[in-house]
Amino acid sequence: MSTERKLFGTDGIRGRSNEEPMTATTALRVAMATAQFFRRGEHRHRVVIGKDTRLSGYMLEPALTAGFIAQGMDVILLGPIPTPAVALLTKSLRADLGVMISASHNPYEDNGIKLFGPDGRKLSDAIELQIEALMDEDVTLVDSSALGKAARLEDALGRYVEFVKMTFPHGLRLDGLKIAIDCANGAAYKVAPSVLWELGAEVIPLGVEPNGRNINRKCGATDIGLLRESVLLHGADVGIALDGDADRLMMVDEKGQVIDGDQMMALIALEWKEKGRLKEQGLVATVMSNLGLERFLNQHDLKLFRTNVGDRYVLQAMQEYGYNFGGEQSGHMIFNDYSTTGDGLLAALQVLAVICRRGQPASTVCRLFEPVPQRMKSIYTTKDVLNDPAFQKAVKAAEKALDGTGRLLVRKSGTEALIRIMAEGDDEALVEKQVDDLAALAEKI
């Protein structure tokens, strides 16, 4: 069996809708192969399926449903709902498997399939490899008497709302806070404003009118221009932006300044340390997190454990080494005490709790360190640029130039046909030169 995954990337399977691998045919095969892998034991087998608001969800959801039913699994349909809610309900409903149909922060033309095991955690690389191998084999269907059934869980959103509110400290409310919330016209367009309102905030809802084609379009965590404008226009105390499936967030303070994942992780880690809640005296982040975060944590006798890019790798390290908090600069944050995957709304509530307790503006509370100058460029390519001899030589030269004052990271995106070139260091001009030179060479190649 091959040791390299062909379909699965860093966050499930993803691609342009109605083109391979995001076709109804492939979705059907994925469902049947996954069902074969997880259909173990004599109990009645069950899978939960959620989706975001993309038009292509109407195509992929029934295809997946048919595949699972053909393999004797009962299907519980959740409808449009955040990714972390799928992970939660997979465990709560004692399901064998959870599926989220979403391409996260990608434009509406794309879609994806994320899979969760019965423990509510994303599947390991090894399991994904085995599923791919099963897709290449002849399918064995169950007898007609053993076919599964499908049903819709009508109160799925309500269950998730109550869970998220439970993670907010008891005795604390959001009374007096005016909060702008941008739901990216995505999966959290109903639940996120409701949670904030029920906790007492004055809510300014944005990106809450999905039409199947406007998810992540000029809104959400990857385009916070609308959020910044709204915070300043309405005099909001803080702004929250979720991505299309609500598993990550970005925030802005009352001045419209960005609060990224690194600043939020620094804030929560310090707060949890002071309250004795932070395990292993540190947190897990990826190689993308800023050197400024690492230096800040070191100053407070906290550790930073780095992993490859992808919240699944953050979670794996947290499990293996005993950490209960981790995340990514891009806004994925995982709280092992509460959840099994990244949850943007849950993370936002943790930040809001600190703001409430301290009674100070977000611009004061959420700015704990000065980031080291960092620059990143993404180059679209379908060619294997990373193994080009000239490019490899240039990368080594750039690493040598930054040695001692910064670092370089060159990687292939796990979700798009891109290579990403990132450098950071104390010398901003040097950092920019290394990234620009490598990007120019990559484009030439």
Protein backbone atom coordinates (compact mmCIF):
# COMPACT_ATOMS: atom_id res chain seq x y z
CA MET A 1 0.00 0.00 0.00
CA SER A 2 1.24 3.49 -0.86
CA THR A 3 2.47 5.62 2.05
CA GLU A 4 1.48 8.89 0.39
CA ARG A 5 -2.13 10.05 0.37
CA LYS A 6 -3.57 10.94 -3.04
CA LEU A 7 -6.97 12.36 -2.10
CA PHE A 8 -6.61 13.55 1.47
CA GLY A 9 -4.73 16.75 2.30
CA THR A 10 -4.09 18.50 5.61
CA ASP A 11 -7.83 18.92 6.20
CA GLY A 12 -9.73 16.17 4.42
CA ILE A 13 -10.47 16.04 0.70
CA ARG A 14 -10.89 19.34 -1.09
CA GLY A 15 -11.29 20.65 -4.63
CA ARG A 16 -13.46 22.50 -7.10
CA SER A 17 -17.05 21.30 -7.02
CA ASN A 18 -18.22 18.99 -9.80
CA GLU A 19 -14.62 18.34 -10.81
CA GLU A 20 -12.58 15.43 -9.47
CA PRO A 21 -12.27 14.72 -6.65
CA MET A 22 -15.27 16.82 -5.61
CA THR A 23 -17.88 14.95 -7.66
CA ALA A 24 -20.93 13.03 -6.57
CA THR A 25 -19.30 9.85 -7.89
CA THR A 26 -16.19 10.22 -5.74
CA ALA A 27 -18.25 11.27 -2.71
CA LEU A 28 -20.24 8.04 -3.09
CA ARG A 29 -17.02 6.00 -3.23
CA VAL A 30 -15.56 7.83 -0.23
CA ALA A 31 -18.69 7.07 1.79
CA MET A 32 -18.73 3.37 0.88
CA ALA A 33 -15.02 2.91 1.59
CA THR A 34 -15.21 4.81 4.88
CA ALA A 35 -18.26 2.82 5.92
CA GLN A 36 -16.41 -0.42 5.18
CA PHE A 37 -13.55 0.69 7.41
CA PHE A 38 -15.73 1.78 10.35
CA ARG A 39 -18.45 -0.89 10.10
CA ARG A 40 -17.14 -3.11 12.85
CA GLY A 41 -19.07 -4.96 15.52
CA GLU A 42 -22.66 -6.19 15.62
CA HIS A 43 -24.32 -2.90 16.68
CA ARG A 44 -26.45 -0.77 14.37
CA HIS A 45 -23.97 1.54 12.64
CA ARG A 46 -24.49 5.28 12.48
CA VAL A 47 -22.93 8.31 10.77
CA VAL A 48 -23.71 12.02 11.23
CA ILE A 49 -23.37 14.44 8.30
CA GLY A 50 -23.18 18.23 8.52
CA LYS A 51 -22.42 20.84 5.90
CA ASP A 52 -21.79 24.54 5.39
CA THR A 53 -23.86 26.76 3.09
CA ARG A 54 -22.24 26.08 -0.30
CA LEU A 55 -24.48 25.33 -3.26
CA SER A 56 -22.59 22.10 -3.95
CA GLY A 57 -23.56 20.77 -0.54
CA TYR A 58 -26.90 19.85 -2.09
CA MET A 59 -25.01 17.54 -4.47
CA LEU A 60 -22.48 16.00 -2.07
CA GLU A 61 -24.81 15.41 0.89
CA PRO A 62 -27.15 12.98 -0.91
CA ALA A 63 -24.22 11.25 -2.61
CA LEU A 64 -22.53 10.59 0.72
CA THR A 65 -25.85 9.58 2.25
CA ALA A 66 -26.45 7.04 -0.50
CA GLY A 67 -22.98 5.56 -0.05
CA PHE A 68 -23.39 5.07 3.69
CA ILE A 69 -26.91 3.65 3.36
CA ALA A 70 -25.67 1.20 0.70
CA GLN A 71 -23.16 -0.04 3.24
CA GLY A 72 -25.73 -0.53 5.97
CA MET A 73 -25.12 2.63 8.00
CA ASP A 74 -27.91 4.83 9.33
CA VAL A 75 -27.41 8.50 8.48
CA ILE A 76 -28.29 11.44 10.72
CA LEU A 77 -28.43 14.70 8.76
CA LEU A 78 -27.56 17.86 10.68
CA GLY A 79 -27.94 20.44 7.90
CA PRO A 80 -25.83 23.65 7.89
CA ILE A 81 -23.82 23.56 11.11
CA PRO A 82 -20.24 24.39 12.25
CA THR A 83 -17.53 21.75 11.89
CA PRO A 84 -16.93 21.54 15.69
CA ALA A 85 -20.64 20.76 16.13
CA VAL A 86 -20.23 17.72 13.88
CA ALA A 87 -17.31 16.53 16.03
CA LEU A 88 -19.38 17.12 19.18
CA LEU A 89 -22.50 15.33 17.90
CA THR A 90 -20.50 12.39 16.55
CA LYS A 91 -19.52 11.63 20.13
CA SER A 92 -22.83 12.64 21.70
CA LEU A 93 -24.89 10.44 19.38
CA ARG A 94 -22.48 7.50 19.79
CA ALA A 95 -21.93 7.48 16.03
CA ASP A 96 -19.25 5.42 14.32
CA LEU A 97 -18.31 8.31 12.08
CA GLY A 98 -18.84 12.03 11.48
CA VAL A 99 -18.68 13.88 8.15
CA MET A 100 -18.48 17.61 7.48
CA ILE A 101 -19.04 18.84 3.93
CA SER A 102 -17.05 22.06 3.71
CA ALA A 103 -14.07 23.71 2.07
CA SER A 104 -13.60 25.94 5.11
CA HIS A 105 -12.20 29.34 4.04
CA ASN A 106 -12.11 28.53 0.29
CA PRO A 107 -14.49 30.26 -2.18
CA TYR A 108 -17.93 28.79 -2.81
CA GLU A 109 -16.83 27.05 -6.02
CA ASP A 110 -14.77 24.64 -3.88
CA ASN A 111 -15.97 22.06 -1.42
CA GLY A 112 -14.49 19.37 0.78
CA ILE A 113 -15.13 16.31 2.90
CA LYS A 114 -13.80 16.16 6.47
CA LEU A 115 -14.05 12.90 8.39
CA PHE A 116 -14.19 12.34 12.15
CA GLY A 117 -13.81 9.08 14.04
CA PRO A 118 -16.16 7.92 16.83
CA ASP A 119 -14.06 9.90 19.32
CA GLY A 120 -14.88 13.14 17.47
CA ARG A 121 -11.31 13.58 16.28
CA LYS A 122 -10.09 13.97 12.70
CA LEU A 123 -8.73 10.80 11.19
CA SER A 124 -5.03 10.03 11.23
CA ASP A 125 -2.94 9.92 8.06
CA ALA A 126 -2.73 6.14 8.43
CA ILE A 127 -6.50 5.67 8.48
CA GLU A 128 -6.94 8.01 5.51
CA LEU A 129 -4.44 5.87 3.59
CA GLN A 130 -6.46 2.75 4.37
CA ILE A 131 -9.66 4.42 3.19
CA GLU A 132 -7.99 5.41 -0.07
CA ALA A 133 -6.86 1.80 -0.53
CA LEU A 134 -10.43 0.56 0.00
CA MET A 135 -11.64 3.01 -2.66
CA ASP A 136 -9.42 1.22 -5.19
CA GLU A 137 -10.94 -2.18 -4.41
CA ASP A 138 -14.19 -3.73 -5.63
CA VAL A 139 -17.09 -2.64 -3.46
CA THR A 140 -19.05 -5.27 -1.57
CA LEU A 141 -22.59 -4.06 -0.86
CA VAL A 142 -24.73 -5.23 2.03
CA ASP A 143 -27.86 -7.29 1.50
CA SER A 144 -30.99 -5.27 0.74
CA SER A 145 -32.41 -6.27 4.13
CA ALA A 146 -29.45 -4.57 5.86
CA LEU A 147 -29.63 -1.17 4.14
CA GLY A 148 -29.35 1.89 6.35
CA LYS A 149 -31.90 4.66 6.87
CA ALA A 150 -31.66 8.46 6.95
CA ALA A 151 -33.20 10.91 9.43
CA ARG A 152 -32.76 14.60 10.21
CA LEU A 153 -31.81 15.81 13.70
CA GLU A 154 -34.03 18.85 14.14
CA ASP A 155 -32.42 20.26 17.30
CA ALA A 156 -28.77 19.91 16.22
CA LEU A 157 -28.13 23.67 16.34
CA GLY A 158 -29.70 23.99 19.78
CA ARG A 159 -27.52 21.26 21.20
CA TYR A 160 -24.39 23.03 19.94
CA VAL A 161 -25.54 26.42 21.26
CA GLU A 162 -25.97 25.01 24.75
CA PHE A 163 -22.59 23.26 24.61
CA VAL A 164 -20.73 26.43 23.58
CA LYS A 165 -22.44 28.55 26.25
CA MET A 166 -21.41 25.97 28.84
CA THR A 167 -17.74 26.70 28.10
CA PHE A 168 -18.17 30.37 29.08
CA PRO A 169 -17.33 30.92 32.78
CA HIS A 170 -20.32 30.61 35.12
CA GLY A 171 -21.33 33.90 36.71
CA LEU A 172 -19.89 35.90 33.83
CA ARG A 173 -21.98 37.67 31.19
CA LEU A 174 -21.36 39.82 28.13
CA ASP A 175 -23.66 42.60 29.36
CA GLY A 176 -22.50 46.02 28.21
CA LEU A 177 -20.35 44.71 25.35
CA LYS A 178 -21.21 45.64 21.79
CA ILE A 179 -19.87 42.89 19.53
CA ALA A 180 -19.76 42.72 15.74
CA ILE A 181 -19.82 39.12 14.53
CA ASP A 182 -19.05 38.19 10.90
CA CYS A 183 -20.25 34.66 10.14
CA ALA A 184 -18.85 34.61 6.56
CA ASN A 185 -22.31 33.67 5.22
CA GLY A 186 -21.29 30.23 6.39
CA ALA A 187 -22.17 27.44 8.77
CA ALA A 188 -22.43 29.58 11.93
CA TYR A 189 -24.78 32.22 10.52
CA LYS A 190 -27.52 31.19 12.96
CA VAL A 191 -25.70 29.91 16.02
CA ALA A 192 -22.96 32.52 16.54
CA PRO A 193 -25.17 35.61 16.89
CA SER A 194 -27.57 33.61 19.06
CA VAL A 195 -24.85 32.54 21.51
CA LEU A 196 -23.54 36.09 21.95
CA TRP A 197 -27.06 37.50 22.39
CA GLU A 198 -28.03 34.84 24.91
CA LEU A 199 -24.92 35.68 26.94
CA GLY A 200 -26.02 39.33 27.12
CA ALA A 201 -24.08 41.10 24.35
CA GLU A 202 -25.43 43.72 21.98
CA VAL A 203 -24.85 41.98 18.65
CA ILE A 204 -24.09 43.45 15.23
CA PRO A 205 -24.56 40.48 12.85
CA LEU A 206 -22.64 40.38 9.55
CA GLY A 207 -22.40 37.67 6.89
CA VAL A 208 -25.66 36.04 7.99
CA GLU A 209 -27.48 35.90 4.64
CA PRO A 210 -26.07 32.85 2.81
CA ASN A 211 -27.30 32.19 -0.71
CA GLY A 212 -25.03 29.28 -1.63
CA ARG A 213 -22.58 31.46 -3.52
CA ASN A 214 -21.48 34.16 -1.08
CA ILE A 215 -19.71 32.10 1.59
CA ASN A 216 -16.35 33.74 2.48
CA ARG A 217 -16.89 36.37 -0.25
CA LYS A 218 -15.53 39.70 1.01
CA CYS A 219 -16.30 38.61 4.55
CA GLY A 220 -15.25 36.22 7.28
CA ALA A 221 -11.91 35.36 8.86
CA THR A 222 -9.97 35.57 5.59
CA ASP A 223 -11.29 39.02 4.59
CA ILE A 224 -11.91 41.16 7.65
CA GLY A 225 -12.40 44.47 5.85
CA LEU A 226 -16.17 44.39 6.43
CA LEU A 227 -15.67 43.56 10.12
CA ARG A 228 -13.21 46.40 10.68
CA GLU A 229 -15.49 48.91 8.99
CA SER A 230 -18.48 47.75 11.03
CA VAL A 231 -16.62 47.90 14.35
CA LEU A 232 -15.58 51.49 13.68
CA LEU A 233 -18.97 52.51 12.23
CA HIS A 234 -21.00 51.14 15.14
CA GLY A 235 -18.49 51.86 17.91
CA ALA A 236 -18.26 48.18 18.81
CA ASP A 237 -16.03 47.03 21.64
CA VAL A 238 -14.68 44.08 19.66
CA GLY A 239 -15.20 42.26 16.37
CA ILE A 240 -15.27 38.52 15.68
CA ALA A 241 -14.86 36.90 12.26
CA LEU A 242 -15.41 33.19 11.66
CA ASP A 243 -14.56 31.27 8.50
CA GLY A 244 -17.00 29.29 6.36
CA ASP A 245 -17.26 26.28 8.66
CA ALA A 246 -16.58 28.23 11.88
CA ASP A 247 -13.61 26.20 13.08
CA ARG A 248 -11.35 29.24 13.21
CA LEU A 249 -11.57 32.96 13.85
CA MET A 250 -9.87 36.31 13.66
CA MET A 251 -10.71 39.29 15.87
CA VAL A 252 -10.33 43.05 15.77
CA ASP A 253 -10.21 45.46 18.69
CA GLU A 254 -12.26 48.62 19.13
CA LYS A 255 -9.76 50.50 16.95
CA GLY A 256 -10.17 48.04 14.06
CA GLN A 257 -6.72 46.54 14.61
CA VAL A 258 -6.33 42.82 13.88
CA ILE A 259 -5.94 40.32 16.72
CA ASP A 260 -4.57 37.15 15.12
CA GLY A 261 -4.32 33.62 16.47
CA ASP A 262 -0.87 34.17 17.97
CA GLN A 263 -2.05 37.11 20.10
CA MET A 264 -5.12 35.17 21.21
CA MET A 265 -3.03 32.13 22.14
CA ALA A 266 -0.66 34.31 24.18
CA LEU A 267 -3.60 35.86 26.03
CA ILE A 268 -5.38 32.59 26.82
CA ALA A 269 -2.16 30.76 27.78
CA LEU A 270 -1.21 33.48 30.26
CA GLU A 271 -4.73 33.64 31.70
CA TRP A 272 -4.93 29.87 32.08
CA LYS A 273 -1.47 29.74 33.64
CA GLU A 274 -2.52 32.28 36.27
CA LYS A 275 -5.64 30.25 37.05
CA GLY A 276 -3.76 26.94 37.17
CA ARG A 277 -5.61 25.54 34.16
CA LEU A 278 -2.75 25.28 31.66
CA LYS A 279 -1.28 21.80 31.44
CA GLU A 280 2.41 21.15 30.73
CA GLN A 281 3.12 24.88 31.22
CA GLY A 282 2.86 25.63 27.53
CA LEU A 283 0.92 25.26 24.33
CA VAL A 284 1.15 23.66 20.90
CA ALA A 285 1.33 25.77 17.72
CA THR A 286 2.54 25.25 14.17
CA VAL A 287 5.69 26.31 12.37
CA MET A 288 3.74 29.34 11.09
CA SER A 289 3.41 31.00 14.49
CA ASN A 290 5.45 34.15 14.94
CA LEU A 291 8.79 34.17 16.73
CA GLY A 292 7.35 36.97 18.85
CA LEU A 293 4.89 34.50 20.39
CA GLU A 294 7.69 32.07 21.20
CA ARG A 295 9.77 34.79 22.84
CA PHE A 296 6.77 36.06 24.83
CA LEU A 297 5.98 32.61 26.16
CA ASN A 298 9.62 32.04 27.10
CA GLN A 299 9.60 35.28 29.09
CA HIS A 300 6.73 33.87 31.15
CA ASP A 301 8.33 30.45 31.61
CA LEU A 302 5.96 28.84 29.13
CA LYS A 303 6.87 26.40 26.37
CA LEU A 304 5.93 26.47 22.69
CA PHE A 305 5.81 23.09 20.97
CA ARG A 306 5.73 23.44 17.17
CA THR A 307 4.13 21.06 14.66
CA ASN A 308 3.50 20.91 10.93
CA VAL A 309 0.76 23.14 9.53
CA GLY A 310 -2.76 21.83 10.19
CA ASP A 311 -4.90 21.75 13.32
CA ARG A 312 -4.96 17.93 13.15
CA TYR A 313 -1.20 17.90 13.83
CA VAL A 314 -1.65 20.37 16.67
CA LEU A 315 -4.24 18.06 18.23
CA GLN A 316 -2.05 14.98 17.78
CA ALA A 317 0.83 16.68 19.61
CA MET A 318 -1.52 17.86 22.37
CA GLN A 319 -2.72 14.30 22.90
CA GLU A 320 0.75 12.78 22.76
CA TYR A 321 2.46 15.24 25.12
CA GLY A 322 -0.36 16.17 27.48
CA TYR A 323 -1.09 19.77 26.48
CA ASN A 324 -4.68 21.03 26.80
CA PHE A 325 -4.39 24.12 24.60
CA GLY A 326 -3.03 24.73 21.12
CA GLY A 327 -3.73 26.43 17.85
CA GLU A 328 -2.60 28.17 14.71
CA GLN A 329 -1.75 31.74 13.79
CA SER A 330 -4.60 31.56 11.27
CA GLY A 331 -7.11 31.25 14.10
CA HIS A 332 -7.69 27.52 14.62
CA MET A 333 -7.68 26.93 18.36
CA ILE A 334 -8.23 23.66 20.20
CA PHE A 335 -9.23 23.35 23.85
CA ASN A 336 -8.87 19.71 24.86
CA ASP A 337 -10.85 20.32 28.05
CA TYR A 338 -13.93 21.07 25.95
CA SER A 339 -13.59 19.95 22.34
CA THR A 340 -11.84 17.54 19.99
CA THR A 341 -11.23 19.96 17.13
CA GLY A 342 -10.80 23.65 16.35
CA ASP A 343 -13.77 25.81 17.34
CA GLY A 344 -13.84 29.49 16.39
CA LEU A 345 -16.84 30.45 18.51
CA LEU A 346 -15.56 28.63 21.58
CA ALA A 347 -12.19 30.35 21.19
CA ALA A 348 -13.85 33.75 20.83
CA LEU A 349 -15.72 33.20 24.10
CA GLN A 350 -12.44 32.43 25.89
CA VAL A 351 -11.00 35.75 24.70
CA LEU A 352 -14.19 37.62 25.60
CA ALA A 353 -14.08 36.12 29.09
CA VAL A 354 -10.66 37.69 29.69
CA ILE A 355 -11.84 41.05 28.32
CA CYS A 356 -14.87 40.93 30.66
CA ARG A 357 -12.81 39.99 33.71
CA ARG A 358 -10.24 42.74 33.18
CA GLY A 359 -12.70 45.45 32.28
CA GLN A 360 -10.26 47.04 29.83
CA PRO A 361 -10.50 47.71 26.07
CA ALA A 362 -9.66 44.87 23.70
CA SER A 363 -6.74 46.93 22.33
CA THR A 364 -5.14 46.80 25.80
CA VAL A 365 -6.07 43.26 26.79
CA CYS A 366 -5.28 41.48 23.52
CA ARG A 367 -1.90 42.99 22.58
CA LEU A 368 0.74 41.20 24.60
CA PHE A 369 3.78 41.17 22.30
CA GLU A 370 5.20 42.85 19.23
CA PRO A 371 5.35 40.37 16.34
CA VAL A 372 8.66 39.82 14.60
CA PRO A 373 8.49 41.08 10.97
CA GLN A 374 6.98 38.24 8.95
CA ARG A 375 6.26 37.99 5.23
CA MET A 376 4.53 35.27 3.25
CA LYS A 377 3.74 34.77 -0.42
CA SER A 378 1.63 32.06 -2.02
CA ILE A 379 2.51 30.94 -5.55
CA TYR A 380 -0.03 29.05 -7.65
CA THR A 381 1.62 26.09 -9.38
CA THR A 382 0.83 22.56 -10.48
CA LYS A 383 4.54 21.76 -10.91
CA ASP A 384 6.91 20.24 -8.36
CA VAL A 385 8.81 23.46 -7.71
CA LEU A 386 10.05 22.34 -4.29
CA ASN A 387 12.22 19.60 -5.84
CA ASP A 388 13.70 21.80 -8.56
CA PRO A 389 17.52 21.89 -8.02
CA ALA A 390 17.78 25.64 -8.64
CA PHE A 391 14.97 26.34 -6.18
CA GLN A 392 16.46 24.06 -3.52
CA LYS A 393 19.81 25.86 -3.87
CA ALA A 394 18.09 29.22 -3.46
CA VAL A 395 16.27 27.99 -0.36
CA LYS A 396 19.54 26.94 1.27
CA ALA A 397 21.05 30.33 0.50
CA ALA A 398 18.05 32.11 2.04
CA GLU A 399 18.23 29.95 5.17
CA LYS A 400 21.91 30.83 5.54
CA ALA A 401 21.15 34.55 5.16
CA LEU A 402 18.53 34.39 7.93
CA ASP A 403 20.53 32.14 10.25
CA GLY A 404 20.67 33.52 13.76
CA THR A 405 18.17 36.35 13.23
CA GLY A 406 15.13 34.61 11.78
CA ARG A 407 13.83 31.57 9.93
CA LEU A 408 12.45 30.42 6.59
CA LEU A 409 9.58 28.06 5.84
CA VAL A 410 8.76 26.80 2.34
CA ARG A 411 5.93 24.30 1.99
CA LYS A 412 3.25 22.96 -0.29
CA SER A 413 -0.31 23.82 0.68
CA GLY A 414 -2.34 20.83 1.78
CA THR A 415 -5.64 22.33 0.57
CA GLU A 416 -4.84 24.27 -2.62
CA ALA A 417 -2.44 24.11 -5.63
CA LEU A 418 -0.05 26.55 -3.96
CA ILE A 419 3.40 26.69 -2.47
CA ARG A 420 3.78 29.03 0.46
CA ILE A 421 7.00 30.91 1.18
CA MET A 422 7.29 32.45 4.64
CA ALA A 423 10.20 34.17 6.35
CA GLU A 424 10.50 36.14 9.55
CA GLY A 425 13.28 37.83 11.45
CA ASP A 426 14.44 40.96 13.18
CA ASP A 427 15.69 42.52 9.92
CA GLU A 428 12.51 43.33 7.99
CA ALA A 429 14.31 44.31 4.78
CA LEU A 430 16.23 41.03 4.75
CA VAL A 431 13.05 39.05 5.36
CA GLU A 432 11.23 40.73 2.48
CA LYS A 433 14.16 40.22 0.12
CA GLN A 434 14.40 36.48 0.78
CA VAL A 435 10.66 35.93 0.26
CA ASP A 436 10.47 38.12 -2.85
CA ASP A 437 13.51 36.46 -4.45
CA LEU A 438 12.23 32.93 -3.80
CA ALA A 439 8.72 33.82 -5.02
CA ALA A 440 10.13 35.28 -8.23
CA LEU A 441 12.20 32.16 -8.83
CA ALA A 442 9.21 29.90 -8.14
CA GLU A 443 7.08 31.81 -10.64
CA LYS A 444 9.86 31.59 -13.23
CA ILE A 445 10.18 27.84 -12.76
